[in-house]
Amino acid sequence: MDISILAKGGVVMVILGALSVYALAVIFYKIFQFSTSHALNRSFIEPVMAHVKKGELTAAELALRPVRGPVAHVMKVAIGCVADRNMSIKSREAEIARVGGNELRSLESHMRGLELVATTGPLLGLLGTVTGMVTAFAQLGSAGNRVDPAMLAGGIWEALLTTVGGLTVAIPAVAVYYVLDGMIEKVRAAMRDTTIQILALEDEYIRNEKEQEKREMFERERKLQELQEAQQRAMDQMRTTPQSSGTLRLLNPSYTQL
């Protein structure tokens, strides 16, 4: 379709052309954003959750350290909140919700604009068609008895150009919008699932922490007992060892008379 045909659509076609440029810019930006943010990376979740299920939060944090992406970021925050024993449950949930909301808002940026293009494109096309039909019939009415069917047909097809333009802009925008929305929903579900598991496994972490404290206490008691036993053996050995003659003279005065 050449420029002369597009020009026949009038102002509406110009607006649709601007919307199509904006929609393409948003689509390319979202493709770049999703490819660089590693939003769809899921390979790290299972290994990290294996550490979390064992209560090994330090190992989980080390496994997450080189990983990028919104899900990994939220998991880091959730693990850090659980490891911080001074934070209340409400504070942990609020912090996780805040970080997760920021990550999702970043992924959802310009999605409203794409939705706007998908919604207004057909409406603008319909508006252009209606105004074009009004113009065509007005010209037909002004012709009086000299009605030319070619005039009416030409006015109608020119008016329908805006409908075609509106649908051409809206259909790709709708398709890309739903694809991106599905990806964002997967990210949201992964955030929700992992954070719920981490917070639910806090009891396992607490139990592991208590077991570690018990082991450390048992180890200290064992070392103290071994030290006491060593001291007792040393004292017993001193009692059973024969004394020298000088020591015997000091302990028994009769030796001095020999």
Protein backbone atom coordinates (compact mmCIF):
# COMPACT_ATOMS: atom_id res chain seq x y z
CA MET A 1 0.00 0.00 0.00
CA ASP A 2 1.69 3.22 -1.17
CA ILE A 3 1.73 6.61 0.50
CA SER A 4 -0.94 8.05 -1.79
CA ILE A 5 -3.43 5.45 -0.62
CA LEU A 6 -2.52 6.06 3.02
CA ALA A 7 -2.94 9.81 2.49
CA LYS A 8 -6.53 9.26 1.43
CA GLY A 9 -7.32 8.07 4.95
CA GLY A 10 -6.88 11.60 6.25
CA VAL A 11 -5.95 12.60 9.80
CA VAL A 12 -7.03 9.27 11.25
CA MET A 13 -4.46 7.43 9.16
CA VAL A 14 -1.75 9.80 10.41
CA ILE A 15 -2.72 9.04 14.00
CA LEU A 16 -2.76 5.30 13.28
CA GLY A 17 0.69 5.62 11.71
CA ALA A 18 2.01 7.29 14.86
CA LEU A 19 0.43 4.60 17.03
CA SER A 20 2.02 1.88 14.91
CA VAL A 21 5.47 3.45 15.37
CA TYR A 22 4.91 3.66 19.14
CA ALA A 23 3.71 0.05 19.29
CA LEU A 24 6.79 -1.17 17.41
CA ALA A 25 9.06 0.79 19.74
CA VAL A 26 7.37 -0.75 22.79
CA ILE A 27 7.59 -4.26 21.33
CA PHE A 28 11.32 -3.98 20.60
CA TYR A 29 11.94 -2.46 24.04
CA LYS A 30 10.10 -5.27 25.83
CA ILE A 31 12.00 -7.89 23.85
CA PHE A 32 15.27 -6.24 24.87
CA GLN A 33 14.12 -5.91 28.49
CA PHE A 34 13.09 -9.54 28.87
CA SER A 35 16.24 -10.83 27.16
CA THR A 36 18.61 -8.77 29.33
CA SER A 37 16.81 -9.05 32.68
CA HIS A 38 16.78 -12.89 32.66
CA ALA A 39 13.16 -12.72 33.80
CA LEU A 40 12.33 -16.16 32.41
CA ASN A 41 15.31 -17.96 33.96
CA ARG A 42 14.09 -20.78 36.23
CA SER A 43 17.08 -23.13 36.34
CA PHE A 44 18.38 -21.80 39.67
CA ILE A 45 15.15 -22.23 41.64
CA GLU A 46 15.33 -25.95 42.41
CA PRO A 47 18.99 -25.98 43.62
CA VAL A 48 18.38 -22.95 45.83
CA MET A 49 15.16 -24.33 47.26
CA ALA A 50 16.97 -27.59 48.05
CA HIS A 51 19.29 -25.61 50.36
CA VAL A 52 16.35 -23.70 51.84
CA LYS A 53 14.45 -26.91 52.62
CA LYS A 54 17.47 -28.12 54.59
CA GLY A 55 17.64 -24.84 56.48
CA GLU A 56 20.94 -23.94 54.82
CA LEU A 57 20.24 -20.25 54.23
CA THR A 58 23.89 -19.28 53.88
CA ALA A 59 24.39 -21.84 51.12
CA ALA A 60 21.20 -20.63 49.45
CA GLU A 61 22.44 -17.03 49.51
CA LEU A 62 25.77 -18.08 48.00
CA ALA A 63 23.98 -19.98 45.24
CA LEU A 64 21.83 -16.93 44.45
CA ARG A 65 24.67 -14.42 44.48
CA PRO A 66 25.72 -14.77 40.80
CA VAL A 67 22.13 -15.11 39.52
CA ARG A 68 20.31 -12.14 37.96
CA GLY A 69 16.63 -11.58 37.40
CA PRO A 70 13.51 -10.44 39.27
CA VAL A 71 12.75 -13.87 40.73
CA ALA A 72 16.30 -14.25 42.03
CA HIS A 73 16.19 -10.76 43.54
CA VAL A 74 12.97 -11.48 45.41
CA MET A 75 14.34 -14.81 46.65
CA LYS A 76 17.47 -13.08 47.97
CA VAL A 77 15.31 -10.60 49.87
CA ALA A 78 13.08 -13.36 51.25
CA ILE A 79 16.03 -15.43 52.45
CA GLY A 80 17.65 -12.35 53.99
CA CYS A 81 14.42 -11.50 55.81
CA VAL A 82 14.11 -15.02 57.21
CA ALA A 83 17.75 -15.00 58.31
CA ASP A 84 17.21 -11.70 60.15
CA ARG A 85 15.78 -12.85 63.47
CA ASN A 86 14.98 -9.27 64.52
CA MET A 87 12.36 -8.76 61.79
CA SER A 88 8.73 -9.50 62.56
CA ILE A 89 6.56 -11.58 60.24
CA LYS A 90 4.65 -8.52 59.02
CA SER A 91 7.89 -6.65 58.32
CA ARG A 92 9.21 -9.56 56.29
CA GLU A 93 6.04 -9.87 54.25
CA ALA A 94 5.94 -6.11 53.65
CA GLU A 95 9.56 -5.99 52.49
CA ILE A 96 9.12 -8.96 50.15
CA ALA A 97 5.91 -7.45 48.73
CA ARG A 98 7.66 -4.11 48.19
CA VAL A 99 10.61 -5.59 46.30
CA GLY A 100 8.39 -7.93 44.28
CA GLY A 101 6.05 -5.08 43.37
CA ASN A 102 8.97 -2.97 42.13
CA GLU A 103 10.24 -5.82 39.97
CA LEU A 104 6.80 -6.45 38.48
CA ARG A 105 6.20 -2.76 37.79
CA SER A 106 9.46 -2.67 35.88
CA LEU A 107 8.37 -5.60 33.74
CA GLU A 108 4.92 -4.07 33.24
CA SER A 109 6.29 -0.74 32.04
CA HIS A 110 4.71 0.47 28.76
CA MET A 111 2.24 -2.40 28.81
CA ARG A 112 -0.59 0.09 29.28
CA GLY A 113 0.60 1.93 26.18
CA LEU A 114 0.52 -1.28 24.17
CA GLU A 115 -2.95 -1.99 25.50
CA LEU A 116 -3.99 1.53 24.51
CA VAL A 117 -2.84 0.94 20.92
CA ALA A 118 -4.68 -2.39 20.79
CA THR A 119 -7.88 -0.82 22.11
CA THR A 120 -7.96 2.50 20.28
CA GLY A 121 -6.69 1.24 16.92
CA PRO A 122 -9.97 -0.36 15.78
CA LEU A 123 -11.99 2.50 17.26
CA LEU A 124 -9.96 5.06 15.35
CA GLY A 125 -10.34 2.99 12.22
CA LEU A 126 -14.09 2.86 12.71
CA LEU A 127 -14.18 6.59 13.32
CA GLY A 128 -12.29 7.23 10.10
CA THR A 129 -14.66 4.96 8.21
CA VAL A 130 -17.75 6.66 9.58
CA THR A 131 -16.46 10.15 8.83
CA GLY A 132 -15.40 9.02 5.36
CA MET A 133 -18.86 7.56 4.70
CA VAL A 134 -20.44 10.82 5.84
CA THR A 135 -18.23 12.75 3.44
CA ALA A 136 -19.01 10.36 0.58
CA PHE A 137 -22.75 10.57 1.07
CA ALA A 138 -22.54 14.36 1.45
CA GLN A 139 -20.84 14.55 -1.93
CA LEU A 140 -23.45 12.21 -3.35
CA GLY A 141 -26.21 14.41 -2.01
CA SER A 142 -24.67 17.57 -3.42
CA ALA A 143 -24.51 15.99 -6.88
CA GLY A 144 -28.30 16.10 -7.12
CA ASN A 145 -29.65 14.27 -10.14
CA ARG A 146 -26.16 13.72 -11.54
CA VAL A 147 -25.45 10.70 -9.31
CA ASP A 148 -22.38 8.78 -10.33
CA PRO A 149 -22.06 5.28 -8.76
CA ALA A 150 -18.30 5.52 -9.21
CA MET A 151 -18.24 8.53 -6.90
CA LEU A 152 -20.04 6.59 -4.17
CA ALA A 153 -17.82 3.52 -4.58
CA GLY A 154 -14.68 5.63 -4.48
CA GLY A 155 -15.78 7.38 -1.31
CA ILE A 156 -16.63 4.11 0.42
CA TRP A 157 -13.34 2.36 -0.28
CA GLU A 158 -11.39 5.42 0.80
CA ALA A 159 -13.38 5.46 4.04
CA LEU A 160 -12.71 1.76 4.66
CA LEU A 161 -8.96 2.38 4.49
CA THR A 162 -8.96 3.62 8.08
CA THR A 163 -10.69 0.44 9.27
CA VAL A 164 -7.99 -1.63 7.60
CA GLY A 165 -5.31 0.58 9.10
CA GLY A 166 -6.82 0.35 12.58
CA LEU A 167 -7.03 -3.44 12.48
CA THR A 168 -3.50 -3.68 11.04
CA VAL A 169 -2.15 -1.73 13.99
CA ALA A 170 -4.34 -3.36 16.67
CA ILE A 171 -3.96 -7.06 15.83
CA PRO A 172 -0.15 -7.28 16.34
CA ALA A 173 -0.42 -5.07 19.44
CA VAL A 174 -3.06 -7.38 20.97
CA ALA A 175 -1.04 -10.50 20.18
CA VAL A 176 2.20 -9.14 21.65
CA TYR A 177 0.36 -7.75 24.67
CA TYR A 178 -1.07 -11.14 25.62
CA VAL A 179 2.26 -12.89 25.05
CA LEU A 180 4.08 -10.41 27.29
CA ASP A 181 1.29 -10.51 29.86
CA GLY A 182 1.62 -14.30 30.00
CA MET A 183 5.37 -14.00 30.60
CA ILE A 184 4.84 -11.48 33.38
CA GLU A 185 2.24 -13.74 34.96
CA LYS A 186 4.77 -16.58 34.98
CA VAL A 187 7.28 -14.34 36.73
CA ARG A 188 4.62 -13.28 39.25
CA ALA A 189 3.69 -16.92 39.92
CA ALA A 190 7.35 -17.90 40.40
CA MET A 191 7.87 -15.03 42.87
CA ARG A 192 4.77 -15.97 44.82
CA ASP A 193 5.57 -19.68 44.88
CA THR A 194 9.19 -19.31 45.98
CA THR A 195 8.52 -16.69 48.65
CA ILE A 196 5.66 -18.72 50.12
CA GLN A 197 7.94 -21.76 50.32
CA ILE A 198 10.77 -19.78 51.91
CA LEU A 199 8.50 -18.24 54.54
CA ALA A 200 6.78 -21.57 55.18
CA LEU A 201 10.14 -23.31 55.64
CA GLU A 202 11.18 -20.84 58.33
CA ASP A 203 10.25 -23.46 60.95
CA GLU A 204 12.77 -25.81 59.34
CA TYR A 205 15.41 -23.10 59.56
CA ILE A 206 14.57 -22.44 63.22
CA ARG A 207 14.74 -26.17 63.99
CA ASN A 208 18.08 -26.41 62.19
CA GLU A 209 19.30 -23.39 64.13
CA LYS A 210 18.27 -24.97 67.45
CA GLU A 211 19.88 -28.25 66.49
CA GLN A 212 23.09 -26.40 65.69
CA GLU A 213 22.99 -24.69 69.07
CA LYS A 214 22.44 -28.05 70.77
CA ARG A 215 25.37 -29.57 68.90
CA GLU A 216 27.62 -26.66 69.87
CA MET A 217 26.53 -26.93 73.52
CA PHE A 218 27.09 -30.69 73.50
CA GLU A 219 30.53 -30.18 71.96
CA ARG A 220 31.47 -27.63 74.64
CA GLU A 221 30.28 -29.97 77.41
CA ARG A 222 32.22 -32.86 75.88
CA LYS A 223 35.43 -30.82 75.72
CA LEU A 224 34.92 -29.61 79.29
CA GLN A 225 34.38 -33.19 80.46
CA GLU A 226 37.51 -34.36 78.63
CA LEU A 227 39.50 -31.55 80.26
CA GLN A 228 38.20 -32.49 83.70
CA GLU A 229 39.00 -36.16 83.10
CA ALA A 230 42.52 -35.23 81.99
CA GLN A 231 43.03 -33.18 85.13
CA GLN A 232 41.70 -36.03 87.27
CA ARG A 233 44.07 -38.52 85.62
CA ALA A 234 46.98 -36.16 86.22
CA MET A 235 46.10 -35.85 89.90
CA ASP A 236 45.72 -39.64 90.25
CA GLN A 237 49.07 -40.16 88.58
CA MET A 238 50.70 -37.76 91.00
CA ARG A 239 49.27 -39.70 93.96
CA THR A 240 50.50 -43.09 92.69
CA THR A 241 54.00 -41.98 91.61
CA PRO A 242 56.83 -42.93 94.18
CA GLN A 243 58.23 -39.88 95.94
CA SER A 244 61.94 -39.03 96.02
CA SER A 245 63.99 -39.53 99.19
CA GLY A 246 64.13 -35.80 99.83
CA THR A 247 60.40 -35.58 99.69
CA LEU A 248 60.07 -38.62 101.97
CA ARG A 249 62.38 -37.02 104.57
CA LEU A 250 60.21 -33.96 104.57
CA LEU A 251 57.04 -36.03 104.91
CA ASN A 252 58.51 -38.53 107.49
CA PRO A 253 61.00 -37.08 110.13
CA SER A 254 62.35 -40.59 110.91
CA TYR A 255 64.32 -40.51 107.67
CA THR A 256 66.46 -37.69 109.02
CA GLN A 257 67.78 -39.94 111.81
CA LEU A 258 69.27 -42.52 109.42
